C-alpha atoms as a PDB file:
ATOM      1  CA  MET A   1     140.358 -29.706 103.601  1.00  0.00           C
ATOM      2  CA  ALA A   2     141.913 -30.046 100.018  1.00  0.00           C
ATOM      3  CA  TYR A   3     142.975 -32.449  98.057  1.00  0.00           C
ATOM      4  CA  SER A   4     146.454 -32.561  96.355  1.00  0.00           C
ATOM      5  CA  ASP A   5     147.757 -34.660  93.923  1.00  0.00           C
ATOM      6  CA  SER A   6     150.533 -32.645  92.212  1.00  0.00           C
ATOM      7  CA  ARG A   7     153.770 -34.711  92.772  1.00  0.00           C
ATOM      8  CA  PRO A   8     155.403 -36.545  89.600  1.00  0.00           C
ATOM      9  CA  ILE A   9     154.493 -40.229  89.138  1.00  0.00           C
ATOM     10  CA  ILE A  10     157.773 -41.351  91.022  1.00  0.00           C
ATOM     11  CA  ASP A  11     157.234 -39.537  94.060  1.00  0.00           C
ATOM     12  CA  PRO A  12     154.958 -41.684  95.647  1.00  0.00           C
ATOM     13  CA  ALA A  13     157.293 -45.109  94.541  1.00  0.00           C
ATOM     14  CA  ILE A  14     159.996 -43.367  96.163  1.00  0.00           C
ATOM     15  CA  ASP A  15     158.127 -42.644  99.307  1.00  0.00           C
ATOM     16  CA  VAL A  16     157.360 -46.342  99.842  1.00  0.00           C
ATOM     17  CA  PHE A  17     160.678 -47.620  99.271  1.00  0.00           C
ATOM     18  CA  LYS A  18     161.833 -44.765 101.791  1.00  0.00           C
ATOM     19  CA  ARG A  19     159.018 -46.250 104.360  1.00  0.00           C
ATOM     20  CA  ALA A  20     160.158 -49.860 103.903  1.00  0.00           C
ATOM     21  CA  PHE A  21     159.875 -50.788 107.253  1.00  0.00           C
ATOM     22  CA  ASP A  22     157.522 -48.431 108.539  1.00  0.00           C
ATOM     23  CA  PHE A  23     154.507 -50.062 109.630  1.00  0.00           C
ATOM     24  CA  THR A  24     152.720 -47.112 111.222  1.00  0.00           C
ATOM     25  CA  GLY A  25     150.431 -44.429 109.886  1.00  0.00           C
ATOM     26  CA  ARG A  26     148.515 -44.597 106.610  1.00  0.00           C
ATOM     27  CA  SER A  27     149.341 -44.494 103.261  1.00  0.00           C
ATOM     28  CA  ARG A  28     147.448 -43.744  99.898  1.00  0.00           C
ATOM     29  CA  ARG A  29     146.643 -46.081  96.869  1.00  0.00           C
ATOM     30  CA  THR A  30     148.714 -43.803  94.646  1.00  0.00           C
ATOM     31  CA  ASP A  31     151.886 -44.562  96.549  1.00  0.00           C
ATOM     32  CA  GLY A  32     151.616 -48.454  96.358  1.00  0.00           C
ATOM     33  CA  ILE A  33     150.336 -48.392  92.868  1.00  0.00           C
ATOM     34  CA  SER A  34     153.543 -45.998  91.530  1.00  0.00           C
ATOM     35  CA  TYR A  35     155.924 -48.284  93.338  1.00  0.00           C
ATOM     36  CA  TYR A  36     154.553 -51.208  92.230  1.00  0.00           C
ATOM     37  CA  LEU A  37     154.628 -50.060  88.454  1.00  0.00           C
ATOM     38  CA  ALA A  38     157.897 -48.826  89.005  1.00  0.00           C
ATOM     39  CA  LEU A  39     159.135 -52.309  90.141  1.00  0.00           C
ATOM     40  CA  VAL A  40     157.291 -53.716  86.765  1.00  0.00           C
ATOM     41  CA  ILE A  41     159.083 -51.419  84.705  1.00  0.00           C
ATOM     42  CA  LEU A  42     162.564 -51.698  86.459  1.00  0.00           C
ATOM     43  CA  THR A  43     162.401 -55.966  86.718  1.00  0.00           C
ATOM     44  CA  VAL A  44     160.929 -56.601  83.371  1.00  0.00           C
ATOM     45  CA  PRO A  45     164.305 -55.819  81.305  1.00  0.00           C
ATOM     46  CA  LEU A  46     166.263 -57.409  83.957  1.00  0.00           C
ATOM     47  CA  HIS A  47     164.403 -60.333  83.874  1.00  0.00           C
ATOM     48  CA  LEU A  48     164.515 -60.772  80.220  1.00  0.00           C
ATOM     49  CA  LEU A  49     168.035 -59.962  80.289  1.00  0.00           C
ATOM     50  CA  SER A  50     168.853 -62.706  83.114  1.00  0.00           C
ATOM     51  CA  GLY A  51     166.664 -65.240  81.056  1.00  0.00           C
ATOM     52  CA  GLY A  52     168.873 -64.475  77.868  1.00  0.00           C
ATOM     53  CA  LEU A  53     171.848 -65.252  79.725  1.00  0.00           C
ATOM     54  CA  LEU A  54     170.548 -68.194  81.108  1.00  0.00           C
ATOM     55  CA  PHE A  55     169.690 -69.363  77.548  1.00  0.00           C
ATOM     56  CA  GLY A  56     172.444 -68.723  76.084  1.00  0.00           C
ATOM     57  CA  ALA A  57     174.565 -70.456  78.723  1.00  0.00           C
ATOM     58  CA  SER A  58     172.300 -73.726  78.173  1.00  0.00           C
ATOM     59  CA  LYS A  59     173.599 -73.410  74.103  1.00  0.00           C
ATOM     60  CA  MET A  60     177.466 -72.809  75.161  1.00  0.00           C
ATOM     61  CA  SER A  61     179.641 -74.947  77.499  1.00  0.00           C
ATOM     62  CA  GLY A  62     181.581 -72.196  78.708  1.00  0.00           C
ATOM     63  CA  GLY A  63     181.602 -72.216  82.550  1.00  0.00           C
ATOM     64  CA  VAL A  64     182.016 -68.722  82.658  1.00  0.00           C
ATOM     65  CA  THR A  65     178.687 -67.954  80.930  1.00  0.00           C
ATOM     66  CA  PHE A  66     176.672 -70.502  82.986  1.00  0.00           C
ATOM     67  CA  GLY A  67     178.456 -68.900  86.447  1.00  0.00           C
ATOM     68  CA  LEU A  68     177.366 -64.914  84.909  1.00  0.00           C
ATOM     69  CA  ALA A  69     173.730 -66.481  84.393  1.00  0.00           C
ATOM     70  CA  LEU A  70     173.687 -67.964  87.300  1.00  0.00           C
ATOM     71  CA  GLY A  71     174.741 -65.319  89.295  1.00  0.00           C
ATOM     72  CA  SER A  72     172.739 -62.880  87.551  1.00  0.00           C
ATOM     73  CA  LEU A  73     169.896 -65.260  88.658  1.00  0.00           C
ATOM     74  CA  THR A  74     170.446 -65.374  92.065  1.00  0.00           C
ATOM     75  CA  ILE A  75     170.815 -61.487  92.420  1.00  0.00           C
ATOM     76  CA  PHE A  76     167.771 -61.221  90.938  1.00  0.00           C
ATOM     77  CA  SER A  77     165.846 -63.193  93.164  1.00  0.00           C
ATOM     78  CA  ILE A  78     167.254 -61.622  96.173  1.00  0.00           C
ATOM     79  CA  ALA A  79     166.281 -58.450  94.710  1.00  0.00           C
ATOM     80  CA  THR A  80     162.868 -59.656  93.768  1.00  0.00           C
ATOM     81  CA  VAL A  81     162.380 -60.625  97.415  1.00  0.00           C
ATOM     82  CA  ALA A  82     163.357 -57.740  99.136  1.00  0.00           C
ATOM     83  CA  ALA A  83     161.465 -55.602  96.668  1.00  0.00           C
ATOM     84  CA  GLN A  84     158.644 -57.163  98.663  1.00  0.00           C
ATOM     85  CA  PHE A  85     159.179 -55.732 101.934  1.00  0.00           C
ATOM     86  CA  PRO A  86     158.129 -52.030 100.894  1.00  0.00           C
ATOM     87  CA  LEU A  87     155.196 -53.228  99.307  1.00  0.00           C
ATOM     88  CA  LEU A  88     154.203 -55.347 102.940  1.00  0.00           C
ATOM     89  CA  ALA A  89     154.587 -52.107 104.794  1.00  0.00           C
ATOM     90  CA  TRP A  90     152.598 -50.353 102.475  1.00  0.00           C
ATOM     91  CA  LEU A  91     149.840 -53.014 102.506  1.00  0.00           C
ATOM     92  CA  ALA A  92     149.632 -52.582 106.664  1.00  0.00           C
ATOM     93  CA  ARG A  93     149.461 -48.798 106.447  1.00  0.00           C
ATOM     94  CA  ARG A  94     146.922 -49.232 103.618  1.00  0.00           C
ATOM     95  CA  MET A  95     144.831 -51.585 106.104  1.00  0.00           C
ATOM     96  CA  HIS A  96     145.328 -48.567 108.778  1.00  0.00           C
ATOM     97  CA  ASP A  97     144.196 -46.287 106.312  1.00  0.00           C
ATOM     98  CA  HIS A  98     140.628 -48.219 106.509  1.00  0.00           C
ATOM     99  CA  GLY A  99     141.023 -48.332 110.395  1.00  0.00           C
ATOM    100  CA  TRP A 100     141.940 -51.779 110.572  1.00  0.00           C
ATOM    101  CA  SER A 101     145.021 -53.335 112.100  1.00  0.00           C
ATOM    102  CA  ALA A 102     147.408 -54.516 110.146  1.00  0.00           C
ATOM    103  CA  TRP A 103     147.508 -58.195 111.982  1.00  0.00           C
ATOM    104  CA  TRP A 104     144.557 -58.548 110.088  1.00  0.00           C
ATOM    105  CA  LEU A 105     147.308 -59.278 107.067  1.00  0.00           C
ATOM    106  CA  LEU A 106     148.070 -62.593 109.105  1.00  0.00           C
ATOM    107  CA  ALA A 107     144.680 -64.328 108.220  1.00  0.00           C
ATOM    108  CA  LEU A 108     146.350 -64.129 104.945  1.00  0.00           C
ATOM    109  CA  VAL A 109     148.971 -66.546 105.780  1.00  0.00           C
ATOM    110  CA  PRO A 110     146.870 -69.750 105.802  1.00  0.00           C
ATOM    111  CA  LEU A 111     146.059 -69.038 102.379  1.00  0.00           C
ATOM    112  CA  MET A 112     149.891 -68.780 101.428  1.00  0.00           C
ATOM    113  CA  ILE A 113     150.583 -72.149 103.072  1.00  0.00           C
ATOM    114  CA  LEU A 114     147.203 -73.621 101.301  1.00  0.00           C
ATOM    115  CA  THR A 115     148.598 -72.649  98.162  1.00  0.00           C
ATOM    116  CA  ASN A 116     151.764 -74.670  98.546  1.00  0.00           C
ATOM    117  CA  ILE A 117     151.187 -77.629 100.345  1.00  0.00           C
ATOM    118  CA  GLY A 118     150.703 -79.575  97.185  1.00  0.00           C
ATOM    119  CA  LEU A 119     146.820 -80.081  96.918  1.00  0.00           C
ATOM    120  CA  PRO A 120     145.054 -80.444  93.954  1.00  0.00           C
ATOM    121  CA  PRO A 121     145.613 -77.580  91.179  1.00  0.00           C
ATOM    122  CA  ILE A 122     142.231 -76.384  90.977  1.00  0.00           C
ATOM    123  CA  VAL A 123     142.181 -76.138  94.990  1.00  0.00           C
ATOM    124  CA  GLU A 124     145.628 -74.423  95.351  1.00  0.00           C
ATOM    125  CA  SER A 125     144.352 -71.831  92.555  1.00  0.00           C
ATOM    126  CA  VAL A 126     141.070 -70.980  94.769  1.00  0.00           C
ATOM    127  CA  PHE A 127     142.840 -70.377  97.852  1.00  0.00           C
ATOM    128  CA  ALA A 128     145.154 -68.135  95.805  1.00  0.00           C
ATOM    129  CA  LEU A 129     142.639 -66.394  94.030  1.00  0.00           C
ATOM    130  CA  ALA A 130     140.889 -65.824  97.660  1.00  0.00           C
ATOM    131  CA  GLY A 131     144.151 -64.418  98.778  1.00  0.00           C
ATOM    132  CA  ILE A 132     144.754 -61.884  95.666  1.00  0.00           C
ATOM    133  CA  VAL A 133     140.999 -60.719  96.138  1.00  0.00           C
ATOM    134  CA  GLY A 134     141.650 -60.215  99.519  1.00  0.00           C
ATOM    135  CA  LEU A 135     144.740 -58.279  99.111  1.00  0.00           C
ATOM    136  CA  GLY A 136     143.445 -56.165  96.471  1.00  0.00           C
ATOM    137  CA  CYS A 137     140.205 -55.172  98.559  1.00  0.00           C
ATOM    138  CA  ALA A 138     142.355 -54.022 101.181  1.00  0.00           C
ATOM    139  CA  ALA A 139     144.636 -52.353  98.633  1.00  0.00           C
ATOM    140  CA  LEU A 140     142.298 -50.525  96.556  1.00  0.00           C
ATOM    141  CA  TRP A 141     139.105 -49.844  98.856  1.00  0.00           C
ATOM    142  CA  GLU A 142     138.151 -45.971  99.336  1.00  0.00           C
ATOM    143  CA  PRO A 143     139.338 -44.985 102.530  1.00  0.00           C
ATOM    144  CA  ASP A 144     138.595 -43.846 106.025  1.00  0.00           C
ATOM    145  CA  TYR A 145     138.278 -40.274 105.101  1.00  0.00           C
ATOM    146  CA  GLN A 146     137.770 -39.025 108.552  1.00  0.00           C
ATOM    147  CA  THR A 147     141.308 -38.999 110.965  1.00  0.00           C
ATOM    148  CA  ASN A 148     141.281 -42.243 112.769  1.00  0.00           C
ATOM    149  CA  ARG A 149     143.353 -44.088 115.719  1.00  0.00           C
ATOM    150  CA  PHE A 150     146.346 -44.598 112.865  1.00  0.00           C
ATOM    151  CA  GLY A 151     146.431 -40.435 112.088  1.00  0.00           C
ATOM    152  CA  PRO A 152     145.036 -38.212 109.566  1.00  0.00           C
ATOM    153  CA  ASN A 153     143.905 -39.282 106.398  1.00  0.00           C
ATOM    154  CA  PRO A 154     147.114 -38.584 103.698  1.00  0.00           C
ATOM    155  CA  ARG A 155     144.989 -37.898 100.811  1.00  0.00           C
ATOM    156  CA  PHE A 156     143.930 -34.515 102.370  1.00  0.00           C
ATOM    157  CA  HIS A 157     146.421 -31.937 103.858  1.00  0.00           C
ATOM    158  CA  LEU A 158     145.010 -30.281 107.364  1.00  0.00           C
ATOM    159  CA  ASP A 159     145.747 -27.441 108.604  1.00  0.00           C
ATOM    160  CA  GLU A 160     146.404 -26.465 112.233  1.00  0.00           C
ATOM    161  CA  THR A 161     142.876 -24.563 112.458  1.00  0.00           C
ATOM    162  CA  ASP A 162     140.929 -27.554 111.074  1.00  0.00           C
ATOM    163  CA  PRO A 163     139.294 -29.358 114.204  1.00  0.00           C
ATOM    164  CA  VAL A 164     140.539 -33.249 114.712  1.00  0.00           C
ATOM    165  CA  GLU A 165     137.491 -35.455 114.945  1.00  0.00           C
END
């Protein structure tokens, strides 16, 4: 088995986007990290632009400017939610990379609910931190290097002559 990481930095991000609704198989850590970095690089300027439009709209009384700002904010919000689907699919494949079922991600649903039901802020922060730590561990732990029930390790290229364990 030989380790290969000679892809340009944008290729793993594109792979995650292409597999946005593919919850089967396994994925590498670099795929999700590069997708997230690409998302940040693309969304920060858009967020600043939409915030600037909204700030400019609050200073002007023109309805056209306010409508433009509100429209860009709505489009930005929809795009932000849509961009989370590839991350969710990537996280499911990362769970597979550890040999775990992706259904374990549902264990985080109670944490998400508990952070949004109006508990005291310190309690909500503890639940949110627990969810972030759980997701971070699942995404960044070392994978199962052997072939598991979800497929071969995507980090290594297996030849046809290599035995599958």
